[in-house]
Protein backbone atom coordinates (compact mmCIF):
# COMPACT_ATOMS: atom_id res chain seq x y z
CA UNK A 1 115.69 -115.84 -121.68
CA UNK A 2 116.19 -112.15 -120.79
CA UNK A 3 118.24 -113.21 -117.35
CA UNK A 4 120.59 -115.37 -119.45
CA UNK A 5 121.21 -113.14 -122.04
CA UNK A 6 122.28 -110.16 -119.74
CA UNK A 7 126.28 -109.79 -119.85
CA UNK A 8 126.70 -108.25 -116.53
CA UNK A 9 124.08 -110.27 -114.82
CA UNK A 10 122.00 -106.96 -114.02
CA UNK A 11 118.81 -109.03 -114.28
CA UNK A 12 117.91 -111.77 -111.67
CA UNK A 13 114.89 -113.96 -111.24
CA UNK A 14 114.28 -114.52 -107.56
CA UNK A 15 111.67 -117.04 -106.35
CA UNK A 16 109.83 -115.21 -103.30
CA UNK A 17 107.46 -117.23 -100.84
CA UNK A 18 104.51 -115.08 -100.00
CA UNK A 19 101.59 -116.56 -97.89
CA UNK A 20 102.11 -120.15 -98.85
CA UNK A 21 102.88 -119.57 -102.65
CA UNK A 22 105.79 -118.65 -104.76
CA UNK A 23 106.15 -115.68 -106.82
CA UNK A 24 108.87 -115.23 -109.61
CA UNK A 25 110.03 -111.59 -109.30
CA UNK A 26 112.44 -110.20 -112.13
CA UNK A 27 114.82 -107.73 -110.75
CA UNK A 28 116.98 -105.16 -112.37
CA UNK A 29 120.19 -103.89 -111.11
CA UNK A 30 120.72 -100.67 -112.46
CA UNK A 31 123.86 -100.04 -110.90
CA UNK A 32 125.61 -102.76 -112.86
CA UNK A 33 123.83 -102.44 -116.19
CA UNK A 34 125.96 -101.45 -119.11
CA UNK A 35 122.92 -100.95 -121.33
CA UNK A 36 123.66 -103.59 -124.17
CA UNK A 37 119.95 -104.17 -124.57
CA UNK A 38 120.37 -107.90 -125.11
CA UNK A 39 117.57 -108.41 -122.65
CA UNK A 40 115.14 -106.17 -124.52
CA UNK A 41 115.96 -107.95 -127.87
CA UNK A 42 115.49 -111.33 -126.44
CA UNK A 43 112.49 -110.79 -123.82
CA UNK A 44 109.67 -113.19 -125.06
CA UNK A 45 107.13 -111.25 -122.80
CA UNK A 46 107.96 -107.45 -123.73
CA UNK A 47 108.51 -106.78 -120.22
CA UNK A 48 111.52 -104.61 -120.63
CA UNK A 49 112.16 -101.32 -122.70
CA UNK A 50 114.75 -98.73 -122.69
CA UNK A 51 113.86 -95.64 -120.96
CA UNK A 52 115.26 -92.27 -120.37
CA UNK A 53 118.43 -91.28 -118.90
CA UNK A 54 118.29 -92.09 -115.09
CA UNK A 55 119.43 -89.60 -112.17
CA UNK A 56 121.85 -91.02 -109.72
CA UNK A 57 118.95 -91.62 -107.40
CA UNK A 58 117.27 -94.08 -109.76
CA UNK A 59 120.34 -96.22 -109.95
CA UNK A 60 119.19 -99.01 -107.70
CA UNK A 61 117.59 -102.43 -107.76
CA UNK A 62 114.09 -102.29 -109.09
CA UNK A 63 111.32 -104.92 -109.67
CA UNK A 64 110.11 -105.28 -113.37
CA UNK A 65 107.70 -108.09 -113.15
CA UNK A 66 105.83 -110.19 -110.63
CA UNK A 67 104.19 -113.56 -111.31
CA UNK A 68 102.53 -115.94 -109.24
CA UNK A 69 103.80 -119.64 -109.83
CA UNK A 70 102.95 -123.14 -109.08
CA UNK A 71 105.11 -126.27 -109.09
CA UNK A 72 104.55 -129.11 -111.55
CA UNK A 73 103.65 -132.14 -109.77
CA UNK A 74 105.20 -134.29 -112.50
CA UNK A 75 108.73 -132.42 -113.22
CA UNK A 76 108.60 -130.16 -110.27
CA UNK A 77 109.55 -127.17 -112.39
CA UNK A 78 107.88 -123.69 -111.59
CA UNK A 79 105.61 -122.19 -114.08
CA UNK A 80 102.81 -119.39 -113.98
CA UNK A 81 100.04 -120.37 -111.95
CA UNK A 82 97.01 -121.20 -114.10
CA UNK A 83 95.22 -123.38 -111.74
CA UNK A 84 96.68 -126.60 -113.02
CA UNK A 85 98.83 -128.90 -111.32
CA UNK A 86 101.11 -129.76 -114.47
CA UNK A 87 103.10 -127.33 -116.17
CA UNK A 88 102.23 -126.66 -119.82
CA UNK A 89 104.98 -129.01 -121.20
CA UNK A 90 104.00 -131.95 -119.05
CA UNK A 91 100.14 -131.33 -119.82
CA UNK A 92 101.14 -131.39 -123.67
CA UNK A 93 103.22 -134.80 -123.03
CA UNK A 94 100.29 -136.24 -121.19
CA UNK A 95 97.78 -135.46 -124.00
CA UNK A 96 100.25 -136.78 -126.60
CA UNK A 97 102.89 -138.96 -125.16
CA UNK A 98 104.13 -140.20 -128.44
CA UNK A 99 103.82 -137.11 -130.30
CA UNK A 100 106.41 -134.78 -131.79
CA UNK A 101 105.52 -131.02 -131.20
CA UNK A 102 107.13 -127.60 -130.65
CA UNK A 103 106.71 -125.27 -127.66
CA UNK A 104 104.10 -122.64 -128.32
CA UNK A 105 104.91 -119.98 -130.53
CA UNK A 106 107.27 -122.03 -132.57
CA UNK A 107 104.85 -123.75 -134.76
CA UNK A 108 104.72 -123.45 -138.54
CA UNK A 109 102.50 -121.27 -139.93
């Protein structure tokens, strides 16, 4: 969500193959960031925050977060590797194929 929110495309989510597994890496390109903070407002994981003013030497591409991923055997989407072969959405559908539900975190309280 934060990658999509960035108006200058200063954030990128790159999939890297490492030793037979895939890792999702969130990259921040400080050279093109305009500091609108849309990514900070919309980051569901709280992985991004505003820091101090950067020196010229710090104006570069940096890794913000790294997560090992797995490919869902049903929908083929990448998800955080939790040892299962189905992503959380496909697991939920498999458990309740005719149910109506919202993604985790969106349920009414």
